[in-house]
Amino acid sequence: MHAYRDAIRRTAGAYVLYPGKPSESSNKQFEGFHEVLPGLGAFAISPDKDGKPKGIPALSEFLDKIIEHLAHRTTARERTTYHVREAYHTQEQPAAYGSVRLQESDTYGTAKYRALPPAEETVLVAWYQNHAQLALAHHDEGFLYVRLGDRLGAFHVPPKLALVRRALLRTHHGIVARGAFLIREPGYDVYTREQLRKKLGQHAPKAQVAAWQNTAQPDDDEHIYALFQVKPDPNSADISWDGDKLMTLIEEYETDHRNKPITNIGRRSPDPRLLSLEKLLQAQISAPP
């Protein structure tokens, strides 16, 4: 039965009807996990002395369970088939790792938690204005901030922003900083510019990371930022990135309506951009020998 199930494409269960005396012991069902599907089984069906089929009620009850299971949206099978479809609906070849080492365990968990597949790990591509801002992220307890917008209507959070596990920094003329950063703590904190100024004053009091860092402005409370806790990723410290290729990959990623920003963003915009780790791997241009 395993051979039948595995040989027939996209089959979740294989069951045989055989001529036997129906009983509780003759009807066998083996669940692959804790749900009725995937599974294997056998049902005894035989005629009685009047020629009527015996064993049909048990088979009918089983088929009702199958129908109920297939119609249920919160089953493990529903979740599995969703991800199978997402994984195989395109015929793209797997992305090359290059020199980036991808850990097997989750960034925030212990070894018992598997790392997300690269196609499902979200990377933040943030803007840096000067070297002080870049240096702020390079500390082991560093910070990286992105502007979300203004309080008066342009304040918008990209849907996957809270899911990012890694970050890159880019700046003018298509330059992308070497290496990458790991997000030290899940999520981010939201600050006004006045609040962010105080935070930076505590962690980078002498570094002029922004023109507004030391001078209060009348509209400070209208500018909204997201602040991430980051640290350098040692596994990608020597990797360089192709800035033009990176932006092309981001634009491809944003063609999926689930990843598309609320408004179209130009390539030279300092707004935060997102893409998957799988896409990011395609933008490598150099690595150590």
Protein backbone atom coordinates (compact mmCIF):
# COMPACT_ATOMS: atom_id res chain seq x y z
CA MET A 1 0.00 0.00 0.00
CA HIS A 2 2.91 2.31 0.66
CA ALA A 3 4.10 1.68 -2.89
CA TYR A 4 0.68 2.54 -4.36
CA ARG A 5 0.41 5.72 -2.32
CA ASP A 6 3.93 6.86 -3.14
CA ALA A 7 3.68 5.98 -6.83
CA ILE A 8 0.48 7.91 -7.54
CA ARG A 9 1.21 11.60 -7.68
CA ARG A 10 -0.17 13.78 -4.87
CA THR A 11 -1.86 10.83 -3.14
CA ALA A 12 -2.46 11.30 0.59
CA GLY A 13 -3.87 7.84 1.36
CA ALA A 14 -4.14 4.33 -0.05
CA TYR A 15 -6.88 1.89 0.99
CA VAL A 16 -7.85 -1.56 -0.23
CA LEU A 17 -11.23 -3.30 -0.28
CA TYR A 18 -10.85 -7.07 0.01
CA PRO A 19 -13.29 -10.01 0.26
CA GLY A 20 -13.36 -10.87 3.91
CA LYS A 21 -15.63 -11.16 6.90
CA PRO A 22 -16.28 -7.63 8.19
CA SER A 23 -15.39 -7.05 11.83
CA GLU A 24 -13.70 -4.44 13.95
CA SER A 25 -10.42 -6.35 13.65
CA SER A 26 -10.65 -6.78 9.88
CA ASN A 27 -10.92 -3.05 9.18
CA LYS A 28 -7.45 -1.56 9.63
CA GLN A 29 -6.53 2.10 9.42
CA PHE A 30 -3.03 3.46 9.94
CA GLU A 31 -2.68 7.23 10.30
CA GLY A 32 0.60 8.76 9.19
CA PHE A 33 0.52 11.23 12.07
CA HIS A 34 -2.46 12.23 14.21
CA GLU A 35 -5.02 12.94 11.45
CA VAL A 36 -6.97 10.67 9.17
CA LEU A 37 -4.75 11.75 6.26
CA PRO A 38 -2.12 10.84 5.30
CA GLY A 39 -2.79 7.19 5.97
CA LEU A 40 -3.20 3.59 4.83
CA GLY A 41 -5.93 1.06 5.41
CA ALA A 42 -7.98 -1.96 4.44
CA PHE A 43 -11.71 -2.71 4.59
CA ALA A 44 -13.34 -6.12 4.46
CA ILE A 45 -16.40 -6.24 2.18
CA SER A 46 -18.43 -9.40 1.51
CA PRO A 47 -22.01 -10.36 0.59
CA ASP A 48 -24.39 -11.81 3.16
CA LYS A 49 -26.71 -14.74 2.47
CA ASP A 50 -29.16 -12.41 0.73
CA GLY A 51 -26.48 -10.94 -1.51
CA LYS A 52 -26.34 -7.59 0.28
CA PRO A 53 -22.89 -6.10 0.95
CA LYS A 54 -21.55 -6.38 4.46
CA GLY A 55 -18.96 -3.87 5.68
CA ILE A 56 -20.32 -0.88 3.77
CA PRO A 57 -21.32 1.10 6.93
CA ALA A 58 -17.71 1.12 8.18
CA LEU A 59 -16.47 2.24 4.77
CA SER A 60 -19.17 4.90 4.56
CA GLU A 61 -18.26 6.23 8.01
CA PHE A 62 -14.62 6.40 6.97
CA LEU A 63 -15.45 8.31 3.77
CA ASP A 64 -17.50 10.80 5.81
CA LYS A 65 -14.43 11.40 7.98
CA ILE A 66 -12.32 11.95 4.87
CA ILE A 67 -14.80 14.48 3.47
CA GLU A 68 -14.96 16.32 6.78
CA HIS A 69 -11.18 16.33 7.02
CA LEU A 70 -10.70 17.69 3.49
CA ALA A 71 -13.19 20.49 4.15
CA HIS A 72 -11.50 21.54 7.40
CA ARG A 73 -9.18 24.56 6.97
CA THR A 74 -7.24 24.17 10.24
CA THR A 75 -5.79 20.69 9.71
CA ALA A 76 -2.09 19.92 9.41
CA ARG A 77 -2.82 18.58 5.92
CA GLU A 78 -4.26 21.95 4.85
CA ARG A 79 -1.12 23.65 6.10
CA THR A 80 1.12 21.11 4.39
CA THR A 81 -0.60 21.33 1.02
CA TYR A 82 -0.42 25.12 1.15
CA HIS A 83 3.34 25.06 1.60
CA VAL A 84 3.80 22.31 -1.00
CA ARG A 85 1.97 24.45 -3.53
CA GLU A 86 3.99 27.55 -2.58
CA ALA A 87 7.22 25.59 -2.94
CA TYR A 88 6.49 24.01 -6.32
CA HIS A 89 4.20 26.41 -8.19
CA THR A 90 7.25 27.85 -9.97
CA GLN A 91 10.07 25.94 -11.62
CA GLU A 92 12.90 28.10 -10.32
CA GLN A 93 16.17 26.33 -9.56
CA PRO A 94 17.41 26.40 -5.96
CA ALA A 95 19.49 29.48 -5.19
CA ALA A 96 23.22 28.91 -4.76
CA TYR A 97 24.55 29.50 -1.25
CA GLY A 98 27.78 31.04 -2.44
CA SER A 99 29.93 31.57 0.66
CA VAL A 100 27.03 32.31 3.01
CA ARG A 101 26.67 29.60 5.63
CA LEU A 102 23.04 29.03 6.56
CA GLN A 103 22.48 27.64 10.03
CA GLU A 104 20.17 24.68 10.58
CA SER A 105 18.72 25.92 13.88
CA ASP A 106 16.45 28.91 14.40
CA THR A 107 18.07 32.26 15.19
CA TYR A 108 15.93 32.83 18.28
CA GLY A 109 15.54 29.26 19.50
CA THR A 110 17.64 26.32 20.56
CA ALA A 111 18.88 23.54 18.32
CA LYS A 112 15.53 21.74 18.56
CA TYR A 113 13.89 24.44 16.40
CA ARG A 114 14.64 24.27 12.69
CA ALA A 115 15.60 27.44 10.86
CA LEU A 116 13.09 28.86 8.42
CA PRO A 117 13.59 27.84 4.78
CA PRO A 118 15.41 30.69 2.96
CA ALA A 119 12.33 31.28 0.80
CA GLU A 120 10.35 32.10 3.98
CA GLU A 121 12.97 34.10 5.85
CA THR A 122 12.46 37.83 5.40
CA VAL A 123 15.40 40.21 4.97
CA LEU A 124 15.21 43.96 5.57
CA VAL A 125 17.15 46.21 3.19
CA ALA A 126 17.51 49.51 5.04
CA TRP A 127 19.06 52.86 4.12
CA TYR A 128 22.12 54.40 5.76
CA GLN A 129 23.07 58.01 5.23
CA ASN A 130 26.65 58.08 6.57
CA HIS A 131 29.41 55.93 8.05
CA ALA A 132 28.38 56.72 11.63
CA GLN A 133 24.99 55.14 10.97
CA LEU A 134 26.71 52.09 9.47
CA ALA A 135 29.07 51.86 12.45
CA LEU A 136 26.08 51.98 14.83
CA ALA A 137 24.81 48.71 13.31
CA HIS A 138 28.24 47.03 13.42
CA HIS A 139 28.41 46.86 17.21
CA ASP A 140 27.57 43.52 18.83
CA GLU A 141 24.71 45.39 20.50
CA GLY A 142 24.03 47.63 17.55
CA PHE A 143 20.94 49.37 16.26
CA LEU A 144 19.41 49.96 12.86
CA TYR A 145 16.48 52.25 12.21
CA VAL A 146 14.19 52.88 9.27
CA ARG A 147 11.66 55.59 8.69
CA LEU A 148 8.06 54.39 8.51
CA GLY A 149 6.49 57.71 7.52
CA ASP A 150 4.64 60.62 9.05
CA ARG A 151 1.97 60.53 11.69
CA LEU A 152 -0.39 62.58 9.50
CA GLY A 153 -1.33 59.94 6.93
CA ALA A 154 1.77 58.39 5.32
CA PHE A 155 2.51 56.14 8.28
CA HIS A 156 2.55 52.60 6.84
CA VAL A 157 4.14 49.41 8.12
CA PRO A 158 5.05 46.76 5.49
CA PRO A 159 3.20 43.53 6.36
CA LYS A 160 6.34 41.42 6.90
CA LEU A 161 8.48 44.03 8.63
CA ALA A 162 8.08 42.38 12.04
CA LEU A 163 9.20 39.02 10.60
CA VAL A 164 12.68 40.05 9.46
CA ARG A 165 15.58 37.93 10.71
CA ARG A 166 18.42 39.63 8.81
CA ALA A 167 19.19 43.06 7.43
CA LEU A 168 21.36 44.77 4.83
CA LEU A 169 22.28 48.42 4.58
CA ARG A 170 22.41 50.34 1.29
CA THR A 171 23.14 53.95 0.43
CA HIS A 172 23.61 56.32 -2.50
CA HIS A 173 24.83 55.25 -5.97
CA GLY A 174 23.68 51.65 -5.54
CA ILE A 175 26.24 50.91 -2.82
CA VAL A 176 25.37 48.07 -0.44
CA ALA A 177 27.43 47.61 2.72
CA ARG A 178 29.46 44.43 2.86
CA GLY A 179 28.08 41.55 4.91
CA ALA A 180 24.74 41.41 6.69
CA PHE A 181 23.21 41.79 10.14
CA LEU A 182 21.19 39.48 12.34
CA ILE A 183 18.19 40.80 14.24
CA ARG A 184 19.02 40.25 17.92
CA GLU A 185 15.45 40.37 19.22
CA PRO A 186 12.21 39.56 17.35
CA GLY A 187 10.27 42.57 16.07
CA TYR A 188 11.11 46.24 16.51
CA ASP A 189 10.27 49.30 18.60
CA VAL A 190 8.38 52.29 17.20
CA TYR A 191 9.66 55.77 18.05
CA THR A 192 8.97 59.34 17.13
CA ARG A 193 12.07 61.26 16.03
CA GLU A 194 12.29 62.92 19.44
CA GLN A 195 12.19 59.52 21.18
CA LEU A 196 14.72 58.09 18.73
CA ARG A 197 17.04 61.04 19.39
CA LYS A 198 17.05 60.20 23.11
CA LYS A 199 17.66 56.52 22.38
CA LEU A 200 20.59 57.27 20.10
CA GLY A 201 21.95 59.67 22.68
CA GLN A 202 22.25 56.76 25.07
CA HIS A 203 23.93 54.35 22.64
CA ALA A 204 25.73 56.63 20.19
CA PRO A 205 26.22 59.96 22.00
CA LYS A 206 29.27 61.04 19.96
CA ALA A 207 28.34 59.62 16.57
CA GLN A 208 26.51 61.98 14.25
CA VAL A 209 24.28 59.32 12.72
CA ALA A 210 21.69 61.83 11.49
CA ALA A 211 21.47 65.56 10.88
CA TRP A 212 18.62 65.81 13.38
CA GLN A 213 20.36 63.86 16.16
CA ASN A 214 21.39 66.80 18.33
CA THR A 215 18.91 69.49 17.36
CA ALA A 216 15.22 69.40 18.21
CA GLN A 217 12.78 70.31 15.45
CA PRO A 218 9.16 71.54 15.78
CA ASP A 219 7.83 68.52 13.85
CA ASP A 220 9.85 65.82 15.65
CA ASP A 221 6.73 64.09 16.92
CA GLU A 222 5.36 63.71 13.38
CA HIS A 223 8.20 61.51 12.07
CA ILE A 224 7.85 57.81 12.90
CA TYR A 225 10.71 55.27 12.92
CA ALA A 226 11.18 51.55 13.54
CA LEU A 227 14.27 50.63 15.58
CA PHE A 228 15.82 47.13 15.30
CA GLN A 229 18.41 45.58 17.57
CA VAL A 230 21.09 44.07 15.33
CA LYS A 231 24.54 42.51 15.32
CA PRO A 232 26.91 41.60 12.48
CA ASP A 233 26.36 38.19 10.93
CA PRO A 234 29.74 36.42 11.16
CA ASN A 235 28.79 33.98 8.40
CA SER A 236 28.48 36.72 5.78
CA ALA A 237 31.03 39.29 6.96
CA ASP A 238 33.10 39.10 3.76
CA ILE A 239 30.25 38.94 1.26
CA SER A 240 29.74 41.80 -1.18
CA TRP A 241 26.45 42.52 -2.88
CA ASP A 242 25.51 43.73 -6.34
CA GLY A 243 23.36 46.80 -5.62
CA ASP A 244 21.68 46.88 -9.03
CA LYS A 245 20.94 43.15 -8.93
CA LEU A 246 19.64 43.52 -5.38
CA MET A 247 17.10 46.17 -6.36
CA THR A 248 15.99 44.07 -9.34
CA LEU A 249 15.39 41.12 -7.01
CA ILE A 250 13.45 43.36 -4.58
CA GLU A 251 11.22 44.59 -7.39
CA GLU A 252 10.60 40.97 -8.49
CA TYR A 253 9.74 40.05 -4.91
CA GLU A 254 7.30 42.97 -4.70
CA THR A 255 5.41 41.80 -7.80
CA ASP A 256 3.69 39.35 -5.45
CA HIS A 257 0.75 41.36 -4.12
CA ARG A 258 1.38 39.95 -0.63
CA ASN A 259 4.77 41.67 -0.57
CA LYS A 260 3.92 44.82 -2.52
CA PRO A 261 4.29 48.17 -0.72
CA ILE A 262 1.15 50.28 -0.41
CA THR A 263 2.63 52.74 -2.92
CA ASN A 264 5.20 52.30 -5.67
CA ILE A 265 8.72 53.03 -4.42
CA GLY A 266 11.56 54.16 -6.64
CA ARG A 267 14.97 52.51 -6.60
CA ARG A 268 16.62 55.53 -5.03
CA SER A 269 14.08 55.87 -2.23
CA PRO A 270 15.45 55.53 1.34
CA ASP A 271 12.29 53.69 2.40
CA PRO A 272 12.80 50.19 3.86
CA ARG A 273 12.51 47.33 1.40
CA LEU A 274 12.01 43.62 1.96
CA LEU A 275 12.87 40.41 0.14
CA SER A 276 13.42 36.76 0.98
CA LEU A 277 16.78 35.29 1.95
CA GLU A 278 16.47 32.98 -1.04
CA LYS A 279 16.31 36.01 -3.36
CA LEU A 280 19.13 37.79 -1.51
CA LEU A 281 21.53 34.88 -2.13
CA GLN A 282 21.33 35.64 -5.85
CA ALA A 283 22.86 39.11 -5.33
CA GLN A 284 26.29 37.95 -4.11
CA ILE A 285 29.19 39.17 -6.21
CA SER A 286 32.29 38.17 -4.26
CA ALA A 287 33.46 35.95 -1.47
CA PRO A 288 36.76 35.04 0.18
CA PRO A 289 38.80 32.30 -1.52
